[in-house]
Protein backbone atom coordinates (compact mmCIF):
# COMPACT_ATOMS: atom_id res chain seq x y z
CA MET A 1 100.35 84.50 313.18
CA SER A 2 102.06 82.55 316.00
CA TYR A 3 105.41 80.59 315.84
CA THR A 4 105.25 79.57 319.86
CA TRP A 5 102.79 77.31 321.51
CA GLU A 6 102.40 77.16 325.34
CA PRO A 7 101.78 73.57 326.44
CA ARG A 8 98.36 72.66 328.36
CA TRP A 9 99.91 70.15 330.74
CA GLU A 10 98.01 67.40 332.29
CA LYS A 11 98.60 64.22 334.17
CA PHE A 12 99.15 61.46 332.20
CA ARG A 13 99.72 57.65 333.44
CA VAL A 14 101.82 55.80 330.87
CA GLU A 15 101.75 51.27 331.24
CA SER A 16 103.71 49.71 328.83
CA HIS A 17 105.76 46.75 329.15
CA GLY A 18 105.32 46.50 332.51
CA ILE A 19 105.83 49.77 332.83
CA VAL A 20 104.16 52.32 334.74
CA PHE A 21 104.97 55.66 335.99
CA TRP A 22 103.24 59.40 335.62
CA THR A 23 104.44 62.43 333.22
CA CYS A 24 102.88 65.17 331.33
CA ARG A 25 101.23 65.44 327.99
CA ASP A 26 99.64 68.07 326.09
CA ARG A 27 95.82 68.38 326.08
CA ILE A 28 95.63 69.61 322.69
CA THR A 29 98.74 67.78 319.91
CA GLY A 30 98.47 64.71 322.62
CA MET A 31 102.38 65.19 323.03
CA ILE A 32 104.10 63.30 325.68
CA THR A 33 106.85 64.33 327.56
CA CYS A 34 109.81 62.79 329.21
CA PRO A 35 109.13 63.01 332.88
CA ILE A 36 113.16 62.89 333.27
CA CYS A 37 113.79 65.34 331.53
CA VAL A 38 111.53 67.97 331.99
CA ASN A 39 110.94 67.03 336.32
CA ALA A 40 107.27 65.94 335.55
CA ARG A 41 106.63 66.76 338.78
CA GLU A 42 107.80 70.51 338.92
CA THR A 43 105.87 70.68 335.40
CA CYS A 44 102.03 69.35 335.77
CA LEU A 45 102.36 66.59 338.95
CA GLY A 46 102.12 69.32 341.70
CA GLY A 47 104.57 68.87 344.16
CA GLY A 48 107.59 70.50 342.74
CA THR A 49 109.53 73.51 345.36
CA GLY A 50 110.80 75.51 341.92
CA LYS A 51 112.00 75.49 338.79
CA GLY A 52 114.55 72.66 337.83
CA LYS A 53 117.22 72.87 334.67
CA GLN A 54 114.45 71.70 331.42
CA GLU A 55 114.85 70.37 328.58
CA PRO A 56 111.78 69.60 327.17
CA VAL A 57 111.88 66.05 324.97
CA PHE A 58 108.44 65.39 323.31
CA PHE A 59 107.06 62.32 322.02
CA TYR A 60 103.90 61.53 320.15
CA THR A 61 103.81 57.70 321.52
CA VAL A 62 104.13 55.58 324.54
CA GLU A 63 106.76 53.02 323.21
CA ASP A 64 109.31 56.26 321.83
CA LEU A 65 109.19 57.51 325.53
CA ILE A 66 110.06 53.85 326.82
CA TYR A 67 113.00 53.48 324.41
CA HIS A 68 114.42 57.42 325.22
CA ILE A 69 113.81 56.16 328.69
CA ARG A 70 116.02 53.15 328.21
CA ASP A 71 118.30 53.91 325.83
CA TYR A 72 119.06 57.91 326.84
CA HIS A 73 118.55 57.60 330.52
CA ALA A 74 119.53 54.00 331.91
CA ARG A 75 121.95 53.26 329.83
CA SER A 76 123.92 57.00 331.03
CA ALA A 77 122.94 55.35 334.77
CA PHE A 78 125.14 52.27 333.94
CA ARG A 79 127.68 54.12 332.40
CA ALA A 80 128.39 56.10 335.48
CA LYS A 81 128.10 53.47 337.84
CA SER A 82 130.69 51.21 336.25
CA ARG A 83 133.45 53.91 336.11
């Protein structure tokens, strides 16, 4: 019995609420990853030049991914600008 998971990434286009971007999705589970947390360019979009710091964050729905990007990444960017 195996307790590890080897993701099989594929390119995935996200279109929701007027937002369009590319990220990675696992072919088997259908889980979607945050393109910022995992650095999608290096992971599945082809264009990276090496391994960066990866903090995998996975979602089952596009809406959850959008909420994560808005609440975690966008808010922290606005906080950094206001300081």
